[in-house]
Amino acid sequence: MRPVMRSVFAAAALLAAAGSAAGQTPPTAPSCEGKTDVLGVGRTVEIDTTGGPGFGFEHFKAYDFLRPKEVVLTFDDGPWPHNTPAILEALAAQCAKATFFPIGKHALWHPEILKQVAAGGHTVGSHTWSHANLWKKPDQEATDEIERGVSAVSAALGQPPSPFFRFPALKHPPAMLKYLGERNIGIFSTDLDSFDFKRRKPGQLVRGVLRKLEKSGKGIVLMHDFQRATAQDVPDLLKTLKEKGYKIVHMRAKGPVKTIASYDEAIKKEFAGNVVAKRPIASVVRTVDDK
């Protein structure tokens, strides 16, 4: 069995620089140097996605890379106003990192927010173009959903994302598993589904995740930065993980995804003028009178 990951200590500066170069000034984050009272990142792993390996015990059993008390934080369905920035702020306050699986349409609607995700040193994958259930799509339409999503995220970021993919509703059509393997894109299920889209009361997310973690001892946690309740509960979740002695593992890809030129061009033509802002909003729109 070939190794698909190894521990690395890569800095987040490359992603932050890329976000700035694309015209997005990243928000100022508190310094993490020397801090011991935050959750932080216990370990960083690099994942080689050659052949499309699958992760997450709900569907894939081959690569169990987490040690006891280790947690991977993942967020689907963004980027979304208010919710994604609130989660980014909570992660920055705890010096923690996560992996985001944005929807292509949402990425093009809110490229400035997706750039903030990358600038924060988080990993960005993809989650289809429109969150369609690929089980219900013919193979070509399912392929289009995957590739349009990848190209849309790439256009919004101004650079290719990581070759990480999560199926909507965790539905994995065999033909698309084969396709992603041929594309060398890693597939991410979950060890622990928070079901945060069902939770509305404060504290429900924290209690649900901790209850499952206490049973499993570790895991890849699935959440959604699209959900307001999740954004509200994430600060308490991170503090509780710290109190309970859990360690964050941050996943990084060995290299970026290779987008397909025809899909890149289609996205540019369809959304010309709306894909990527060339200048920060503050340099385009300025308040001159506010009463």
Protein backbone atom coordinates (compact mmCIF):
# COMPACT_ATOMS: atom_id res chain seq x y z
CA MET A 1 0.00 0.00 0.00
CA ARG A 2 1.51 3.29 -1.00
CA PRO A 3 1.69 6.03 1.65
CA VAL A 4 -0.80 8.80 0.91
CA MET A 5 0.14 11.20 3.65
CA ARG A 6 3.05 12.40 5.73
CA SER A 7 3.41 15.00 8.46
CA VAL A 8 4.54 18.39 7.27
CA PHE A 9 5.08 21.80 8.74
CA ALA A 10 4.16 24.02 5.81
CA ALA A 11 3.29 27.61 6.62
CA ALA A 12 0.04 29.29 5.64
CA ALA A 13 1.90 32.21 4.09
CA LEU A 14 1.59 30.95 0.52
CA LEU A 15 -2.20 30.92 0.60
CA ALA A 16 -2.36 34.25 2.36
CA ALA A 17 -0.07 35.78 -0.24
CA ALA A 18 -2.16 34.33 -3.03
CA GLY A 19 -5.31 35.87 -1.56
CA SER A 20 -3.66 39.28 -1.34
CA ALA A 21 -2.31 39.02 -4.86
CA ALA A 22 -5.78 38.33 -6.18
CA GLY A 23 -7.00 41.62 -4.73
CA GLN A 24 -8.39 40.43 -1.40
CA THR A 25 -6.83 41.85 1.74
CA PRO A 26 -7.09 39.16 4.41
CA PRO A 27 -8.52 40.18 7.76
CA THR A 28 -5.99 40.73 10.51
CA ALA A 29 -5.81 37.62 12.66
CA PRO A 30 -4.45 37.46 16.21
CA SER A 31 -0.89 36.22 16.41
CA CYS A 32 -0.63 32.55 17.38
CA GLU A 33 3.07 32.51 18.08
CA GLY A 34 3.79 31.21 21.56
CA LYS A 35 0.13 30.85 22.53
CA THR A 36 -0.66 27.90 24.78
CA ASP A 37 -4.20 28.80 25.84
CA VAL A 38 -5.77 28.09 22.43
CA LEU A 39 -6.80 24.93 20.59
CA GLY A 40 -4.26 25.42 17.81
CA VAL A 41 -3.19 22.73 15.34
CA GLY A 42 -1.68 19.61 16.81
CA ARG A 43 -0.54 18.07 13.54
CA THR A 44 -0.55 18.85 9.83
CA VAL A 45 -0.77 16.06 7.27
CA GLU A 46 -0.08 16.19 3.56
CA ILE A 47 -2.35 14.04 1.42
CA ASP A 48 -1.31 12.56 -1.91
CA THR A 49 -4.55 12.23 -3.88
CA THR A 50 -3.11 10.09 -6.69
CA GLY A 51 -5.73 7.52 -7.64
CA GLY A 52 -8.51 9.25 -5.70
CA PRO A 53 -8.15 7.80 -2.18
CA GLY A 54 -11.21 7.96 0.06
CA PHE A 55 -11.31 9.15 3.66
CA GLY A 56 -13.95 9.01 6.37
CA PHE A 57 -15.05 5.77 8.00
CA GLU A 58 -18.70 6.26 7.12
CA HIS A 59 -17.78 5.08 3.61
CA PHE A 60 -14.03 4.43 3.37
CA LYS A 61 -11.92 2.22 5.64
CA ALA A 62 -8.47 2.08 4.02
CA TYR A 63 -6.75 5.16 5.43
CA ASP A 64 -7.18 5.63 9.16
CA PHE A 65 -4.65 8.38 9.73
CA LEU A 66 -6.00 9.94 12.93
CA ARG A 67 -4.53 9.17 16.32
CA PRO A 68 -6.64 9.01 19.49
CA LYS A 69 -8.15 12.40 20.44
CA GLU A 70 -7.42 13.90 17.00
CA VAL A 71 -10.09 15.80 15.08
CA VAL A 72 -10.35 17.14 11.54
CA LEU A 73 -12.80 20.03 11.15
CA THR A 74 -14.61 20.28 7.80
CA PHE A 75 -17.28 22.69 6.56
CA ASP A 76 -19.55 22.27 3.52
CA ASP A 77 -21.86 24.43 1.37
CA GLY A 78 -20.22 27.84 1.73
CA PRO A 79 -19.06 30.42 1.29
CA TRP A 80 -21.94 32.34 2.81
CA PRO A 81 -22.24 35.91 4.17
CA HIS A 82 -22.03 36.33 7.94
CA ASN A 83 -21.79 32.60 8.65
CA THR A 84 -18.48 31.79 6.96
CA PRO A 85 -16.73 34.95 8.24
CA ALA A 86 -18.00 34.22 11.76
CA ILE A 87 -16.56 30.71 11.60
CA LEU A 88 -13.27 32.07 10.24
CA GLU A 89 -13.11 34.52 13.14
CA ALA A 90 -13.70 31.72 15.66
CA LEU A 91 -11.03 29.54 14.07
CA ALA A 92 -8.55 32.42 14.01
CA ALA A 93 -9.20 33.19 17.67
CA GLN A 94 -8.31 29.58 18.53
CA CYS A 95 -5.45 29.37 16.00
CA ALA A 96 -7.20 26.34 14.47
CA LYS A 97 -7.42 25.25 10.83
CA ALA A 98 -10.15 23.50 8.87
CA THR A 99 -11.01 22.19 5.41
CA PHE A 100 -13.83 23.85 3.43
CA PHE A 101 -15.85 22.23 0.64
CA PRO A 102 -17.60 25.15 -1.13
CA ILE A 103 -20.39 24.93 -3.68
CA GLY A 104 -19.36 26.35 -7.06
CA LYS A 105 -22.30 28.74 -7.35
CA HIS A 106 -21.73 30.08 -3.86
CA ALA A 107 -18.04 30.58 -4.60
CA LEU A 108 -18.87 32.78 -7.59
CA TRP A 109 -21.51 34.70 -5.65
CA HIS A 110 -19.07 35.42 -2.80
CA PRO A 111 -15.47 35.16 -4.06
CA GLU A 112 -14.27 37.70 -1.51
CA ILE A 113 -15.36 35.39 1.33
CA LEU A 114 -13.72 32.35 -0.24
CA LYS A 115 -10.48 34.31 -0.55
CA GLN A 116 -10.70 34.99 3.18
CA VAL A 117 -10.90 31.24 3.78
CA ALA A 118 -7.70 30.66 1.79
CA ALA A 119 -5.98 33.69 3.30
CA GLY A 120 -6.65 32.24 6.74
CA GLY A 121 -4.52 29.22 5.86
CA HIS A 122 -7.45 26.83 5.57
CA THR A 123 -7.70 24.15 2.90
CA VAL A 124 -10.26 24.62 0.11
CA GLY A 125 -11.69 21.70 -1.85
CA SER A 126 -14.95 21.53 -3.82
CA HIS A 127 -18.52 20.26 -3.44
CA THR A 128 -20.05 20.30 -6.96
CA TRP A 129 -21.50 23.20 -8.89
CA SER A 130 -25.02 23.28 -7.41
CA HIS A 131 -25.12 20.66 -4.64
CA ALA A 132 -27.00 18.24 -6.88
CA ASN A 133 -27.47 14.63 -5.80
CA LEU A 134 -25.18 12.88 -8.28
CA TRP A 135 -26.92 9.55 -7.77
CA LYS A 136 -29.83 11.04 -9.71
CA LYS A 137 -27.74 12.37 -12.60
CA PRO A 138 -26.58 10.67 -15.81
CA ASP A 139 -22.82 10.23 -15.83
CA GLN A 140 -22.13 13.22 -18.07
CA GLU A 141 -24.31 15.56 -16.02
CA ALA A 142 -22.66 14.31 -12.83
CA THR A 143 -19.23 14.89 -14.36
CA ASP A 144 -20.29 18.40 -15.36
CA GLU A 145 -21.43 19.10 -11.79
CA ILE A 146 -18.06 18.05 -10.44
CA GLU A 147 -15.93 19.90 -12.99
CA ARG A 148 -17.99 23.09 -13.06
CA GLY A 149 -17.71 23.17 -9.29
CA VAL A 150 -13.93 22.75 -9.38
CA SER A 151 -13.52 25.44 -12.06
CA ALA A 152 -15.87 27.83 -10.27
CA VAL A 153 -13.94 27.52 -7.01
CA SER A 154 -10.70 28.01 -8.92
CA ALA A 155 -12.07 31.15 -10.60
CA ALA A 156 -13.30 32.57 -7.30
CA LEU A 157 -9.98 31.92 -5.57
CA GLY A 158 -7.85 33.07 -8.48
CA GLN A 159 -5.93 29.80 -8.25
CA PRO A 160 -6.74 26.06 -8.31
CA PRO A 161 -8.03 24.64 -5.01
CA SER A 162 -6.90 21.41 -3.43
CA PRO A 163 -7.88 18.14 -5.16
CA PHE A 164 -10.31 17.38 -2.31
CA PHE A 165 -13.96 16.60 -3.07
CA ARG A 166 -17.03 15.78 -1.00
CA PHE A 167 -20.20 14.40 -2.56
CA PRO A 168 -23.46 16.18 -1.69
CA ALA A 169 -25.45 14.17 0.85
CA LEU A 170 -22.46 11.78 0.86
CA LYS A 171 -23.95 9.95 -2.13
CA HIS A 172 -21.13 8.22 -4.03
CA PRO A 173 -22.13 6.88 -7.48
CA PRO A 174 -19.65 4.16 -8.49
CA ALA A 175 -19.03 5.76 -11.89
CA MET A 176 -18.08 9.05 -10.23
CA LEU A 177 -15.80 7.32 -7.74
CA LYS A 178 -13.98 5.85 -10.72
CA TYR A 179 -13.92 9.21 -12.47
CA LEU A 180 -12.45 11.04 -9.48
CA GLY A 181 -9.82 8.32 -9.16
CA GLU A 182 -8.80 8.92 -12.76
CA ARG A 183 -8.69 12.66 -12.02
CA ASN A 184 -6.50 12.09 -8.93
CA ILE A 185 -8.99 13.86 -6.70
CA GLY A 186 -9.33 12.68 -3.09
CA ILE A 187 -12.82 11.85 -1.83
CA PHE A 188 -13.92 12.87 1.66
CA SER A 189 -16.79 11.32 3.52
CA THR A 190 -16.90 11.72 7.30
CA ASP A 191 -16.33 9.85 10.53
CA LEU A 192 -18.78 11.99 12.42
CA ASP A 193 -21.74 13.84 10.90
CA SER A 194 -22.82 16.71 13.14
CA PHE A 195 -26.26 16.93 11.47
CA ASP A 196 -25.97 20.63 12.20
CA PHE A 197 -28.60 21.45 9.57
CA LYS A 198 -31.13 19.91 11.98
CA ARG A 199 -29.96 21.83 15.01
CA ARG A 200 -31.48 25.20 15.86
CA LYS A 201 -31.01 25.71 19.61
CA PRO A 202 -27.75 27.07 21.06
CA GLY A 203 -25.42 24.35 22.29
CA GLN A 204 -26.97 21.50 20.32
CA LEU A 205 -24.03 21.28 17.91
CA VAL A 206 -21.49 21.18 20.73
CA ARG A 207 -23.33 18.50 22.68
CA GLY A 208 -23.94 16.38 19.57
CA VAL A 209 -20.35 16.49 18.34
CA LEU A 210 -18.83 15.85 21.77
CA ARG A 211 -21.17 12.94 22.43
CA LYS A 212 -20.07 11.25 19.20
CA LEU A 213 -16.40 12.05 19.76
CA GLU A 214 -16.51 10.53 23.23
CA LYS A 215 -17.80 7.34 21.64
CA SER A 216 -15.38 7.20 18.69
CA GLY A 217 -12.38 8.86 20.31
CA LYS A 218 -11.41 10.78 17.15
CA GLY A 219 -12.76 11.69 13.75
CA ILE A 220 -13.32 13.81 10.67
CA VAL A 221 -16.23 16.07 11.65
CA LEU A 222 -18.73 17.24 9.02
CA MET A 223 -20.34 20.66 9.54
CA HIS A 224 -21.76 23.40 7.28
CA ASP A 225 -20.63 27.01 7.15
CA PHE A 226 -23.91 27.69 5.36
CA GLN A 227 -25.80 27.18 8.64
CA ARG A 228 -26.26 30.12 11.00
CA ALA A 229 -26.65 27.89 14.06
CA THR A 230 -23.29 26.32 13.26
CA ALA A 231 -21.59 29.70 13.03
CA GLN A 232 -23.04 30.59 16.42
CA ASP A 233 -21.92 27.36 18.10
CA VAL A 234 -18.44 26.94 16.61
CA PRO A 235 -16.68 29.23 19.17
CA ASP A 236 -18.01 27.12 22.05
CA LEU A 237 -17.22 23.90 20.16
CA LEU A 238 -13.58 24.90 19.72
CA LYS A 239 -13.24 25.91 23.38
CA THR A 240 -14.80 22.63 24.50
CA LEU A 241 -12.50 20.59 22.25
CA LYS A 242 -9.57 22.36 23.91
CA GLU A 243 -10.93 21.69 27.39
CA LYS A 244 -11.49 18.01 26.61
CA GLY A 245 -7.94 17.53 25.34
CA TYR A 246 -8.67 17.04 21.63
CA LYS A 247 -6.08 18.01 19.02
CA ILE A 248 -6.80 19.49 15.59
CA VAL A 249 -5.30 17.86 12.52
CA HIS A 250 -5.08 20.06 9.46
CA MET A 251 -5.15 18.37 6.05
CA ARG A 252 -3.20 19.81 3.14
CA ALA A 253 -2.88 18.46 -0.39
CA LYS A 254 0.43 17.50 -1.95
CA GLY A 255 -0.46 19.73 -4.90
CA PRO A 256 -3.40 21.66 -6.39
CA VAL A 257 -6.11 20.16 -8.53
CA LYS A 258 -5.64 20.31 -12.30
CA THR A 259 -8.70 22.04 -13.69
CA ILE A 260 -10.01 21.27 -17.17
CA ALA A 261 -9.58 24.14 -19.61
CA SER A 262 -12.97 23.75 -21.31
CA TYR A 263 -14.79 24.08 -17.98
CA ASP A 264 -12.59 27.00 -16.96
CA GLU A 265 -13.45 28.82 -20.18
CA ALA A 266 -17.16 28.06 -19.84
CA ILE A 267 -17.20 29.52 -16.33
CA LYS A 268 -15.36 32.64 -17.47
CA LYS A 269 -17.73 33.20 -20.38
CA GLU A 270 -20.89 32.59 -18.38
CA PHE A 271 -19.88 34.71 -15.43
CA ALA A 272 -17.61 37.31 -17.00
CA GLY A 273 -17.48 40.35 -14.76
CA ASN A 274 -18.83 38.50 -11.73
CA VAL A 275 -16.19 35.85 -11.14
CA VAL A 276 -13.32 37.61 -9.45
CA ALA A 277 -13.10 41.20 -8.25
CA LYS A 278 -9.82 42.69 -9.44
CA ARG A 279 -9.74 45.30 -6.67
CA PRO A 280 -10.75 45.27 -3.00
CA ILE A 281 -14.26 46.64 -2.46
CA ALA A 282 -12.88 49.53 -0.39
CA SER A 283 -11.04 50.82 -3.46
CA VAL A 284 -14.19 50.62 -5.60
CA VAL A 285 -16.91 51.85 -3.23
CA ARG A 286 -16.30 54.60 -0.67
CA THR A 287 -18.82 56.14 1.74
CA VAL A 288 -18.81 59.90 1.33
CA ASP A 289 -21.91 60.72 3.35
CA ASP A 290 -23.39 58.58 6.13
CA LYS A 291 -26.19 60.10 8.20
